[in-house]
Amino acid sequence: QNLIAFYKWNQDKTNELLIIISLDAYYAQQGTVQLPLQ
């Protein structure tokens, strides 16, 4: 719950990004992210 992840892309999907941000400013945070394979 301290990690937020999202996928963004451009109009023709020639540029695709995965952004992951920690919402905890004091401690390290770990997790497993599910890729949007479809």
Full PDB file with SEQRES, HELIX, SHEET, SSBOND, CRYST1, ORIGX, SCALE, CONECT and MASTER records, all heavy atoms in Angstrom:
SEQRES   1 A   38  GLN ASN LEU ILE ALA PHE TYR LYS TRP ASN GLN ASP LYS          
SEQRES   2 A   38  THR ASN GLU LEU LEU ILE ILE ILE SER LEU ASP ALA TYR          
SEQRES   3 A   38  TYR ALA GLN GLN GLY THR VAL GLN LEU PRO LEU GLN              
SHEET    1 AA1 2 LEU A   3  TRP A   9  0                                        
SHEET    2 AA1 2 GLU A  16  SER A  22 -1                                        
CRYST1    1.000    1.000    1.000  90.00  90.00  90.00 P 1           1          
ORIGX1      1.000000  0.000000  0.000000        0.00000                         
ORIGX2      0.000000  1.000000  0.000000        0.00000                         
ORIGX3      0.000000  0.000000  1.000000        0.00000                         
SCALE1      1.000000  0.000000  0.000000        0.00000                         
SCALE2      0.000000  1.000000  0.000000        0.00000                         
SCALE3      0.000000  0.000000  1.000000        0.00000                         
ATOM      1  N   GLN A   1       0.806  -1.217   0.000  1.00  0.00           N  
ATOM      2  CA  GLN A   1       0.000   0.000   0.000  1.00  0.00           C  
ATOM      3  C   GLN A   1       0.843   1.272   0.000  1.00  0.00           C  
ATOM      4  O   GLN A   1       0.314   2.367  -0.204  1.00  0.00           O  
ATOM      5  CB  GLN A   1      -0.944   0.008   1.205  1.00  0.00           C  
ATOM      6  CG  GLN A   1      -2.104  -0.969   1.073  1.00  0.00           C  
ATOM      7  CD  GLN A   1      -2.899  -0.724  -0.204  1.00  0.00           C  
ATOM      8  OE1 GLN A   1      -3.406   0.368  -0.453  1.00  0.00           O  
ATOM      9  NE2 GLN A   1      -2.999  -1.758  -1.030  1.00  0.00           N  
ATOM     10  N   ASN A   2       2.144   1.125   0.215  1.00  0.00           N  
ATOM     11  CA  ASN A   2       3.034   2.279   0.168  1.00  0.00           C  
ATOM     12  C   ASN A   2       3.707   2.445  -1.190  1.00  0.00           C  
ATOM     13  O   ASN A   2       4.550   3.329  -1.359  1.00  0.00           O  
ATOM     14  CB  ASN A   2       4.108   2.165   1.249  1.00  0.00           C  
ATOM     15  CG  ASN A   2       3.539   2.383   2.637  1.00  0.00           C  
ATOM     16  OD1 ASN A   2       2.901   3.404   2.883  1.00  0.00           O  
ATOM     17  ND2 ASN A   2       3.745   1.427   3.528  1.00  0.00           N  
ATOM     18  N   LEU A   3       3.359   1.584  -2.134  1.00  0.00           N  
ATOM     19  CA  LEU A   3       3.891   1.691  -3.498  1.00  0.00           C  
ATOM     20  C   LEU A   3       2.723   1.844  -4.464  1.00  0.00           C  
ATOM     21  O   LEU A   3       1.729   1.124  -4.369  1.00  0.00           O  
ATOM     22  CB  LEU A   3       4.705   0.453  -3.861  1.00  0.00           C  
ATOM     23  CG  LEU A   3       5.986   0.194  -3.072  1.00  0.00           C  
ATOM     24  CD1 LEU A   3       6.591  -1.151  -3.477  1.00  0.00           C  
ATOM     25  CD2 LEU A   3       7.004   1.316  -3.289  1.00  0.00           C  
ATOM     26  N   ILE A   4       2.842   2.768  -5.395  1.00  0.00           N  
ATOM     27  CA  ILE A   4       1.829   2.965  -6.424  1.00  0.00           C  
ATOM     28  C   ILE A   4       2.487   2.766  -7.782  1.00  0.00           C  
ATOM     29  O   ILE A   4       3.620   3.231  -8.010  1.00  0.00           O  
ATOM     30  CB  ILE A   4       1.182   4.369  -6.304  1.00  0.00           C  
ATOM     31  CG1 ILE A   4      -0.021   4.498  -7.236  1.00  0.00           C  
ATOM     32  CG2 ILE A   4       2.187   5.487  -6.536  1.00  0.00           C  
ATOM     33  CD1 ILE A   4      -0.843   5.766  -6.983  1.00  0.00           C  
ATOM     34  N   ALA A   5       1.813   2.031  -8.657  1.00  0.00           N  
ATOM     35  CA  ALA A   5       2.391   1.707  -9.964  1.00  0.00           C  
ATOM     36  C   ALA A   5       1.348   1.949 -11.043  1.00  0.00           C  
ATOM     37  O   ALA A   5       0.167   1.650 -10.865  1.00  0.00           O  
ATOM     38  CB  ALA A   5       2.856   0.249 -10.002  1.00  0.00           C  
ATOM     39  N   PHE A   6       1.792   2.478 -12.171  1.00  0.00           N  
ATOM     40  CA  PHE A   6       0.865   2.702 -13.284  1.00  0.00           C  
ATOM     41  C   PHE A   6       1.606   2.676 -14.619  1.00  0.00           C  
ATOM     42  O   PHE A   6       2.811   2.950 -14.698  1.00  0.00           O  
ATOM     43  CB  PHE A   6       0.080   4.008 -13.114  1.00  0.00           C  
ATOM     44  CG  PHE A   6       0.902   5.216 -12.760  1.00  0.00           C  
ATOM     45  CD1 PHE A   6       1.340   6.101 -13.734  1.00  0.00           C  
ATOM     46  CD2 PHE A   6       1.233   5.482 -11.437  1.00  0.00           C  
ATOM     47  CE1 PHE A   6       2.082   7.223 -13.410  1.00  0.00           C  
ATOM     48  CE2 PHE A   6       1.976   6.604 -11.089  1.00  0.00           C  
ATOM     49  CZ  PHE A   6       2.400   7.482 -12.078  1.00  0.00           C  
ATOM     50  N   TYR A   7       0.845   2.316 -15.626  1.00  0.00           N  
ATOM     51  CA  TYR A   7       1.339   2.169 -16.996  1.00  0.00           C  
ATOM     52  C   TYR A   7       0.788   3.325 -17.822  1.00  0.00           C  
ATOM     53  O   TYR A   7      -0.387   3.665 -17.726  1.00  0.00           O  
ATOM     54  CB  TYR A   7       0.855   0.812 -17.531  1.00  0.00           C  
ATOM     55  CG  TYR A   7       0.874   0.613 -19.023  1.00  0.00           C  
ATOM     56  CD1 TYR A   7       2.054   0.642 -19.759  1.00  0.00           C  
ATOM     57  CD2 TYR A   7      -0.321   0.346 -19.709  1.00  0.00           C  
ATOM     58  CE1 TYR A   7       2.052   0.422 -21.125  1.00  0.00           C  
ATOM     59  CE2 TYR A   7      -0.335   0.118 -21.070  1.00  0.00           C  
ATOM     60  CZ  TYR A   7       0.851   0.160 -21.786  1.00  0.00           C  
ATOM     61  OH  TYR A   7       0.833  -0.057 -23.136  1.00  0.00           O  
ATOM     62  N   LYS A   8       1.656   3.965 -18.634  1.00  0.00           N  
ATOM     63  CA  LYS A   8       1.227   5.056 -19.507  1.00  0.00           C  
ATOM     64  C   LYS A   8       1.805   4.831 -20.899  1.00  0.00           C  
ATOM     65  O   LYS A   8       2.877   4.238 -21.056  1.00  0.00           O  
ATOM     66  CB  LYS A   8       1.681   6.414 -18.963  1.00  0.00           C  
ATOM     67  CG  LYS A   8       1.114   6.747 -17.578  1.00  0.00           C  
ATOM     68  CD  LYS A   8       1.179   8.228 -17.263  1.00  0.00           C  
ATOM     69  CE  LYS A   8       0.044   8.974 -17.932  1.00  0.00           C  
ATOM     70  NZ  LYS A   8      -0.059  10.382 -17.472  1.00  0.00           N  
ATOM     71  N   TRP A   9       1.089   5.314 -21.897  1.00  0.00           N  
ATOM     72  CA  TRP A   9       1.487   5.066 -23.281  1.00  0.00           C  
ATOM     73  C   TRP A   9       1.063   6.244 -24.148  1.00  0.00           C  
ATOM     74  O   TRP A   9       0.189   7.024 -23.796  1.00  0.00           O  
ATOM     75  CB  TRP A   9       0.841   3.772 -23.787  1.00  0.00           C  
ATOM     76  CG  TRP A   9      -0.666   3.814 -23.808  1.00  0.00           C  
ATOM     77  CD1 TRP A   9      -1.479   4.123 -24.854  1.00  0.00           C  
ATOM     78  CD2 TRP A   9      -1.545   3.548 -22.698  1.00  0.00           C  
ATOM     79  NE1 TRP A   9      -2.797   4.061 -24.487  1.00  0.00           N  
ATOM     80  CE2 TRP A   9      -2.873   3.718 -23.167  1.00  0.00           C  
ATOM     81  CE3 TRP A   9      -1.344   3.190 -21.367  1.00  0.00           C  
ATOM     82  CZ2 TRP A   9      -3.988   3.534 -22.344  1.00  0.00           C  
ATOM     83  CZ3 TRP A   9      -2.458   3.018 -20.553  1.00  0.00           C  
ATOM     84  CH2 TRP A   9      -3.756   3.178 -21.046  1.00  0.00           C  
ATOM     85  N   ASN A  10       1.697   6.356 -25.321  1.00  0.00           N  
ATOM     86  CA  ASN A  10       1.307   7.403 -26.252  1.00  0.00           C  
ATOM     87  C   ASN A  10       0.269   6.852 -27.226  1.00  0.00           C  
ATOM     88  O   ASN A  10      -0.157   5.690 -27.149  1.00  0.00           O  
ATOM     89  CB  ASN A  10       2.514   7.980 -26.987  1.00  0.00           C  
ATOM     90  CG  ASN A  10       3.171   6.985 -27.939  1.00  0.00           C  
ATOM     91  OD1 ASN A  10       2.970   5.770 -27.824  1.00  0.00           O  
ATOM     92  ND2 ASN A  10       3.963   7.487 -28.865  1.00  0.00           N  
ATOM     93  N   GLN A  11      -0.152   7.685 -28.166  1.00  0.00           N  
ATOM     94  CA  GLN A  11      -1.299   7.375 -29.008  1.00  0.00           C  
ATOM     95  C   GLN A  11      -1.118   6.095 -29.820  1.00  0.00           C  
ATOM     96  O   GLN A  11      -2.040   5.281 -29.934  1.00  0.00           O  
ATOM     97  CB  GLN A  11      -1.547   8.567 -29.952  1.00  0.00           C  
ATOM     98  CG  GLN A  11      -2.883   8.572 -30.656  1.00  0.00           C  
ATOM     99  CD  GLN A  11      -3.228   9.956 -31.183  1.00  0.00           C  
ATOM    100  OE1 GLN A  11      -3.677  10.810 -30.436  1.00  0.00           O  
ATOM    101  NE2 GLN A  11      -2.992  10.186 -32.458  1.00  0.00           N  
ATOM    102  N   ASP A  12       0.070   5.894 -30.394  1.00  0.00           N  
ATOM    103  CA  ASP A  12       0.286   4.704 -31.220  1.00  0.00           C  
ATOM    104  C   ASP A  12       1.114   3.631 -30.512  1.00  0.00           C  
ATOM    105  O   ASP A  12       1.583   2.680 -31.133  1.00  0.00           O  
ATOM    106  CB  ASP A  12       0.940   5.083 -32.555  1.00  0.00           C  
ATOM    107  CG  ASP A  12       2.262   5.811 -32.376  1.00  0.00           C  
ATOM    108  OD1 ASP A  12       2.739   5.902 -31.221  1.00  0.00           O  
ATOM    109  OD2 ASP A  12       2.813   6.288 -33.379  1.00  0.00           O  
ATOM    110  N   LYS A  13       1.304   3.785 -29.203  1.00  0.00           N  
ATOM    111  CA  LYS A  13       2.023   2.823 -28.362  1.00  0.00           C  
ATOM    112  C   LYS A  13       3.467   2.585 -28.820  1.00  0.00           C  
ATOM    113  O   LYS A  13       4.010   1.496 -28.654  1.00  0.00           O  
ATOM    114  CB  LYS A  13       1.257   1.503 -28.273  1.00  0.00           C  
ATOM    115  CG  LYS A  13       0.008   1.605 -27.391  1.00  0.00           C  
ATOM    116  CD  LYS A  13      -0.446   0.256 -26.872  1.00  0.00           C  
ATOM    117  CE  LYS A  13      -1.525   0.434 -25.803  1.00  0.00           C  
ATOM    118  NZ  LYS A  13      -1.944  -0.825 -25.206  1.00  0.00           N  
ATOM    119  N   THR A  14       4.080   3.626 -29.353  1.00  0.00           N  
ATOM    120  CA  THR A  14       5.513   3.555 -29.642  1.00  0.00           C  
ATOM    121  C   THR A  14       6.328   4.020 -28.447  1.00  0.00           C  
ATOM    122  O   THR A  14       7.561   3.940 -28.464  1.00  0.00           O  
ATOM    123  CB  THR A  14       5.864   4.418 -30.860  1.00  0.00           C  
ATOM    124  OG1 THR A  14       5.428   5.768 -30.619  1.00  0.00           O  
ATOM    125  CG2 THR A  14       5.191   3.892 -32.113  1.00  0.00           C  
ATOM    126  N   ASN A  15       5.647   4.522 -27.441  1.00  0.00           N  
ATOM    127  CA  ASN A  15       6.313   4.982 -26.226  1.00  0.00           C  
ATOM    128  C   ASN A  15       5.477   4.513 -25.037  1.00  0.00           C  
ATOM    129  O   ASN A  15       4.359   4.981 -24.833  1.00  0.00           O  
ATOM    130  CB  ASN A  15       6.441   6.509 -26.249  1.00  0.00           C  
ATOM    131  CG  ASN A  15       7.188   7.060 -25.043  1.00  0.00           C  
ATOM    132  OD1 ASN A  15       6.633   7.813 -24.245  1.00  0.00           O  
ATOM    133  ND2 ASN A  15       8.449   6.693 -24.899  1.00  0.00           N  
ATOM    134  N   GLU A  16       6.019   3.547 -24.280  1.00  0.00           N  
ATOM    135  CA  GLU A  16       5.294   2.956 -23.162  1.00  0.00           C  
ATOM    136  C   GLU A  16       6.161   3.017 -21.909  1.00  0.00           C  
ATOM    137  O   GLU A  16       7.345   2.677 -21.948  1.00  0.00           O  
ATOM    138  CB  GLU A  16       4.922   1.503 -23.478  1.00  0.00           C  
ATOM    139  CG  GLU A  16       3.988   1.366 -24.679  1.00  0.00           C  
ATOM    140  CD  GLU A  16       3.763  -0.083 -25.081  1.00  0.00           C  
ATOM    141  OE1 GLU A  16       4.691  -0.664 -25.693  1.00  0.00           O  
ATOM    142  OE2 GLU A  16       2.688  -0.633 -24.779  1.00  0.00           O  
ATOM    143  N   LEU A  17       5.541   3.457 -20.824  1.00  0.00           N  
ATOM    144  CA  LEU A  17       6.273   3.634 -19.572  1.00  0.00           C  
ATOM    145  C   LEU A  17       5.576   2.903 -18.436  1.00  0.00           C  
ATOM    146  O   LEU A  17       4.354   2.756 -18.434  1.00  0.00           O  
ATOM    147  CB  LEU A  17       6.373   5.123 -19.206  1.00  0.00           C  
ATOM    148  CG  LEU A  17       7.007   6.076 -20.216  1.00  0.00           C  
ATOM    149  CD1 LEU A  17       7.009   7.494 -19.645  1.00  0.00           C  
ATOM    150  CD2 LEU A  17       8.413   5.653 -20.591  1.00  0.00           C  
ATOM    151  N   LEU A  18       6.373   2.472 -17.474  1.00  0.00           N  
ATOM    152  CA  LEU A  18       5.866   1.938 -16.217  1.00  0.00           C  
ATOM    153  C   LEU A  18       6.469   2.782 -15.103  1.00  0.00           C  
ATOM    154  O   LEU A  18       7.692   2.866 -14.975  1.00  0.00           O  
ATOM    155  CB  LEU A  18       6.257   0.468 -16.047  1.00  0.00           C  
ATOM    156  CG  LEU A  18       5.822  -0.179 -14.726  1.00  0.00           C  
ATOM    157  CD1 LEU A  18       4.291  -0.282 -14.656  1.00  0.00           C  
ATOM    158  CD2 LEU A  18       6.456  -1.548 -14.555  1.00  0.00           C  
ATOM    159  N   ILE A  19       5.612   3.434 -14.334  1.00  0.00           N  
ATOM    160  CA  ILE A  19       6.068   4.312 -13.256  1.00  0.00           C  
ATOM    161  C   ILE A  19       5.715   3.677 -11.919  1.00  0.00           C  
ATOM    162  O   ILE A  19       4.587   3.218 -11.723  1.00  0.00           O  
ATOM    163  CB  ILE A  19       5.435   5.711 -13.367  1.00  0.00           C  
ATOM    164  CG1 ILE A  19       5.903   6.421 -14.649  1.00  0.00           C  
ATOM    165  CG2 ILE A  19       5.795   6.571 -12.173  1.00  0.00           C  
ATOM    166  CD1 ILE A  19       4.962   6.329 -15.795  1.00  0.00           C  
ATOM    167  N   ILE A  20       6.673   3.643 -11.026  1.00  0.00           N  
ATOM    168  CA  ILE A  20       6.462   3.097  -9.675  1.00  0.00           C  
ATOM    169  C   ILE A  20       7.016   4.121  -8.681  1.00  0.00           C  
ATOM    170  O   ILE A  20       8.167   4.549  -8.804  1.00  0.00           O  
ATOM    171  CB  ILE A  20       7.148   1.736  -9.490  1.00  0.00           C  
ATOM    172  CG1 ILE A  20       6.713   0.768 -10.597  1.00  0.00           C  
ATOM    173  CG2 ILE A  20       6.827   1.154  -8.116  1.00  0.00           C  
ATOM    174  CD1 ILE A  20       7.516  -0.508 -10.659  1.00  0.00           C  
ATOM    175  N   ILE A  21       6.191   4.519  -7.715  1.00  0.00           N  
ATOM    176  CA  ILE A  21       6.575   5.566  -6.773  1.00  0.00           C  
ATOM    177  C   ILE A  21       6.294   5.095  -5.353  1.00  0.00           C  
ATOM    178  O   ILE A  21       5.215   4.570  -5.062  1.00  0.00           O  
ATOM    179  CB  ILE A  21       5.808   6.875  -7.067  1.00  0.00           C  
ATOM    180  CG1 ILE A  21       6.085   7.345  -8.503  1.00  0.00           C  
ATOM    181  CG2 ILE A  21       6.181   7.968  -6.058  1.00  0.00           C  
ATOM    182  CD1 ILE A  21       5.258   8.530  -8.938  1.00  0.00           C  
ATOM    183  N   SER A  22       7.264   5.313  -4.482  1.00  0.00           N  
ATOM    184  CA  SER A  22       7.070   5.019  -3.065  1.00  0.00           C  
ATOM    185  C   SER A  22       6.385   6.200  -2.400  1.00  0.00           C  
ATOM    186  O   SER A  22       6.764   7.360  -2.606  1.00  0.00           O  
ATOM    187  CB  SER A  22       8.408   4.749  -2.387  1.00  0.00           C  
ATOM    188  OG  SER A  22       8.228   4.652  -0.984  1.00  0.00           O  
ATOM    189  N   LEU A  23       5.383   5.899  -1.592  1.00  0.00           N  
ATOM    190  CA  LEU A  23       4.670   6.934  -0.851  1.00  0.00           C  
ATOM    191  C   LEU A  23       5.194   7.068   0.576  1.00  0.00           C  
ATOM    192  O   LEU A  23       4.613   7.798   1.381  1.00  0.00           O  
ATOM    193  CB  LEU A  23       3.166   6.619  -0.847  1.00  0.00           C  
ATOM    194  CG  LEU A  23       2.526   6.481  -2.233  1.00  0.00           C  
ATOM    195  CD1 LEU A  23       1.048   6.145  -2.106  1.00  0.00           C  
ATOM    196  CD2 LEU A  23       2.717   7.735  -3.064  1.00  0.00           C  
ATOM    197  N   ASP A  24       6.285   6.379   0.858  1.00  0.00           N  
ATOM    198  CA  ASP A  24       6.913   6.426   2.185  1.00  0.00           C  
ATOM    199  C   ASP A  24       8.198   7.248   2.069  1.00  0.00           C  
ATOM    200  O   ASP A  24       9.127   6.856   1.357  1.00  0.00           O  
ATOM    201  CB  ASP A  24       7.218   5.016   2.674  1.00  0.00           C  
ATOM    202  CG  ASP A  24       7.678   4.975   4.125  1.00  0.00           C  
ATOM    203  OD1 ASP A  24       8.263   5.974   4.595  1.00  0.00           O  
ATOM    204  OD2 ASP A  24       7.458   3.950   4.787  1.00  0.00           O  
ATOM    205  N   ALA A  25       8.237   8.373   2.757  1.00  0.00           N  
ATOM    206  CA  ALA A  25       9.392   9.266   2.660  1.00  0.00           C  
ATOM    207  C   ALA A  25      10.509   8.921   3.645  1.00  0.00           C  
ATOM    208  O   ALA A  25      11.539   9.605   3.657  1.00  0.00           O  
ATOM    209  CB  ALA A  25       8.939  10.708   2.880  1.00  0.00           C  
ATOM    210  N   TYR A  26      10.330   7.856   4.433  1.00  0.00           N  
ATOM    211  CA  TYR A  26      11.301   7.578   5.501  1.00  0.00           C  
ATOM    212  C   TYR A  26      11.921   6.187   5.444  1.00  0.00           C  
ATOM    213  O   TYR A  26      13.048   5.991   5.904  1.00  0.00           O  
ATOM    214  CB  TYR A  26      10.642   7.791   6.869  1.00  0.00           C  
ATOM    215  CG  TYR A  26      10.218   9.221   7.085  1.00  0.00           C  
ATOM    216  CD1 TYR A  26       8.899   9.605   6.867  1.00  0.00           C  
ATOM    217  CD2 TYR A  26      11.138  10.186   7.472  1.00  0.00           C  
ATOM    218  CE1 TYR A  26       8.512  10.927   7.047  1.00  0.00           C  
ATOM    219  CE2 TYR A  26      10.764  11.509   7.658  1.00  0.00           C  
ATOM    220  CZ  TYR A  26       9.442  11.882   7.442  1.00  0.00           C  
ATOM    221  OH  TYR A  26       9.066  13.191   7.613  1.00  0.00           O  
ATOM    222  N   TYR A  27      11.201   5.208   4.908  1.00  0.00           N  
ATOM    223  CA  TYR A  27      11.690   3.833   4.939  1.00  0.00           C  
ATOM    224  C   TYR A  27      11.629   3.197   3.550  1.00  0.00           C  
ATOM    225  O   TYR A  27      10.795   3.571   2.717  1.00  0.00           O  
ATOM    226  CB  TYR A  27      10.867   2.989   5.918  1.00  0.00           C  
ATOM    227  CG  TYR A  27      10.906   3.508   7.337  1.00  0.00           C  
ATOM    228  CD1 TYR A  27       9.849   4.272   7.844  1.00  0.00           C  
ATOM    229  CD2 TYR A  27      11.996   3.247   8.165  1.00  0.00           C  
ATOM    230  CE1 TYR A  27       9.888   4.763   9.146  1.00  0.00           C  
ATOM    231  CE2 TYR A  27      12.043   3.733   9.470  1.00  0.00           C  
ATOM    232  CZ  TYR A  27      10.984   4.496   9.955  1.00  0.00           C  
ATOM    233  OH  TYR A  27      11.029   4.984  11.229  1.00  0.00           O  
ATOM    234  N   ALA A  28      12.514   2.229   3.337  1.00  0.00           N  
ATOM    235  CA  ALA A  28      12.497   1.468   2.090  1.00  0.00           C  
ATOM    236  C   ALA A  28      11.214   0.650   2.008  1.00  0.00           C  
ATOM    237  O   ALA A  28      10.694   0.179   3.027  1.00  0.00           O  
ATOM    238  CB  ALA A  28      13.717   0.557   2.017  1.00  0.00           C  
ATOM    239  N   GLN A  29      10.708   0.478   0.798  1.00  0.00           N  
ATOM    240  CA  GLN A  29       9.488  -0.292   0.577  1.00  0.00           C  
ATOM    241  C   GLN A  29       9.724  -1.301  -0.543  1.00  0.00           C  
ATOM    242  O   GLN A  29      10.360  -0.984  -1.556  1.00  0.00           O  
ATOM    243  CB  GLN A  29       8.319   0.620   0.218  1.00  0.00           C  
ATOM    244  CG  GLN A  29       7.873   1.537   1.343  1.00  0.00           C  
ATOM    245  CD  GLN A  29       7.226   0.782   2.488  1.00  0.00           C  
ATOM    246  OE1 GLN A  29       6.679  -0.310   2.297  1.00  0.00           O  
ATOM    247  NE2 GLN A  29       7.279   1.355   3.691  1.00  0.00           N  
ATOM    248  N   GLN A  30       9.189  -2.510  -0.339  1.00  0.00           N  
ATOM    249  CA  GLN A  30       9.336  -3.585  -1.311  1.00  0.00           C  
ATOM    250  C   GLN A  30       7.963  -4.076  -1.752  1.00  0.00           C  
ATOM    251  O   GLN A  30       6.974  -3.966  -1.011  1.00  0.00           O  
ATOM    252  CB  GLN A  30      10.117  -4.757  -0.708  1.00  0.00           C  
ATOM    253  CG  GLN A  30      11.500  -4.410  -0.228  1.00  0.00           C  
ATOM    254  CD  GLN A  30      12.171  -5.581   0.465  1.00  0.00           C  
ATOM    255  OE1 GLN A  30      11.501  -6.510   0.923  1.00  0.00           O  
ATOM    256  NE2 GLN A  30      13.499  -5.555   0.540  1.00  0.00           N  
ATOM    257  N   GLY A  31       7.920  -4.632  -2.961  1.00  0.00           N  
ATOM    258  CA  GLY A  31       6.673  -5.202  -3.453  1.00  0.00           C  
ATOM    259  C   GLY A  31       6.893  -5.886  -4.782  1.00  0.00           C  
ATOM    260  O   GLY A  31       7.972  -5.809  -5.377  1.00  0.00           O  
ATOM    261  N   THR A  32       5.865  -6.590  -5.246  1.00  0.00           N  
ATOM    262  CA  THR A  32       5.908  -7.204  -6.574  1.00  0.00           C  
ATOM    263  C   THR A  32       4.825  -6.566  -7.423  1.00  0.00           C  
ATOM    264  O   THR A  32       3.657  -6.507  -7.029  1.00  0.00           O  
ATOM    265  CB  THR A  32       5.701  -8.728  -6.498  1.00  0.00           C  
ATOM    266  OG1 THR A  32       4.531  -9.007  -5.716  1.00  0.00           O  
ATOM    267  CG2 THR A  32       6.902  -9.407  -5.870  1.00  0.00           C  
ATOM    268  N   VAL A  33       5.220  -6.068  -8.571  1.00  0.00           N  
ATOM    269  CA  VAL A  33       4.303  -5.366  -9.465  1.00  0.00           C  
ATOM    270  C   VAL A  33       3.858  -6.308 -10.580  1.00  0.00           C  
ATOM    271  O   VAL A  33       4.659  -7.075 -11.122  1.00  0.00           O  
ATOM    272  CB  VAL A  33       4.949  -4.093 -10.048  1.00  0.00           C  
ATOM    273  CG1 VAL A  33       6.178  -4.404 -10.883  1.00  0.00           C  
ATOM    274  CG2 VAL A  33       3.927  -3.314 -10.873  1.00  0.00           C  
ATOM    275  N   GLN A  34       2.567  -6.251 -10.901  1.00  0.00           N  
ATOM    276  CA  GLN A  34       2.015  -7.074 -11.975  1.00  0.00           C  
ATOM    277  C   GLN A  34       2.042  -6.279 -13.276  1.00  0.00           C  
ATOM    278  O   GLN A  34       1.444  -5.203 -13.377  1.00  0.00           O  
ATOM    279  CB  GLN A  34       0.578  -7.487 -11.649  1.00  0.00           C  
ATOM    280  CG  GLN A  34      -0.044  -8.408 -12.692  1.00  0.00           C  
ATOM    281  CD  GLN A  34      -1.479  -8.773 -12.352  1.00  0.00           C  
ATOM    282  OE1 GLN A  34      -2.149  -8.053 -11.608  1.00  0.00           O  
ATOM    283  NE2 GLN A  34      -1.944  -9.884 -12.882  1.00  0.00           N  
ATOM    284  N   LEU A  35       2.724  -6.814 -14.263  1.00  0.00           N  
ATOM    285  CA  LEU A  35       2.805  -6.135 -15.554  1.00  0.00           C  
ATOM    286  C   LEU A  35       1.469  -6.235 -16.301  1.00  0.00           C  
ATOM    287  O   LEU A  35       0.809  -7.281 -16.253  1.00  0.00           O  
ATOM    288  CB  LEU A  35       3.903  -6.754 -16.414  1.00  0.00           C  
ATOM    289  CG  LEU A  35       5.344  -6.550 -15.944  1.00  0.00           C  
ATOM    290  CD1 LEU A  35       6.291  -7.356 -16.825  1.00  0.00           C  
ATOM    291  CD2 LEU A  35       5.710  -5.083 -15.969  1.00  0.00           C  
ATOM    292  N   PRO A  36       1.064  -5.202 -17.014  1.00  0.00           N  
ATOM    293  CA  PRO A  36      -0.168  -5.251 -17.816  1.00  0.00           C  
ATOM    294  C   PRO A  36       0.093  -5.947 -19.152  1.00  0.00           C  
ATOM    295  O   PRO A  36       0.156  -5.313 -20.213  1.00  0.00           O  
ATOM    296  CB  PRO A  36      -0.511  -3.769 -18.000  1.00  0.00           C  
ATOM    297  CG  PRO A  36       0.821  -3.085 -18.007  1.00  0.00           C  
ATOM    298  CD  PRO A  36       1.694  -3.862 -17.066  1.00  0.00           C  
ATOM    299  N   LEU A  37       0.258  -7.263 -19.106  1.00  0.00           N  
ATOM    300  CA  LEU A  37       0.706  -8.016 -20.282  1.00  0.00           C  
ATOM    301  C   LEU A  37      -0.230  -7.835 -21.477  1.00  0.00           C  
ATOM    302  O   LEU A  37       0.224  -7.686 -22.622  1.00  0.00           O  
ATOM    303  CB  LEU A  37       0.824  -9.501 -19.932  1.00  0.00           C  
ATOM    304  CG  LEU A  37       1.856  -9.864 -18.856  1.00  0.00           C  
ATOM    305  CD1 LEU A  37       1.916 -11.376 -18.680  1.00  0.00           C  
ATOM    306  CD2 LEU A  37       3.236  -9.317 -19.212  1.00  0.00           C  
ATOM    307  N   GLN A  38      -1.530  -7.858 -21.218  1.00  0.00           N  
ATOM    308  CA  GLN A  38      -2.473  -7.733 -22.326  1.00  0.00           C  
ATOM    309  C   GLN A  38      -2.328  -6.383 -23.014  1.00  0.00           C  
ATOM    310  O   GLN A  38      -2.338  -6.295 -24.245  1.00  0.00           O  
ATOM    311  CB  GLN A  38      -3.904  -7.919 -21.819  1.00  0.00           C  
ATOM    312  CG  GLN A  38      -4.942  -7.899 -22.932  1.00  0.00           C  
ATOM    313  CD  GLN A  38      -6.332  -8.230 -22.426  1.00  0.00           C  
ATOM    314  OE1 GLN A  38      -6.520  -8.581 -21.270  1.00  0.00           O  
ATOM    315  NE2 GLN A  38      -7.316  -8.112 -23.291  1.00  0.00           N  
TER     316      GLN A  38                                                      
MASTER        0    0    0    0    2    0    0    6  315    1    0    3          
END                                                                             
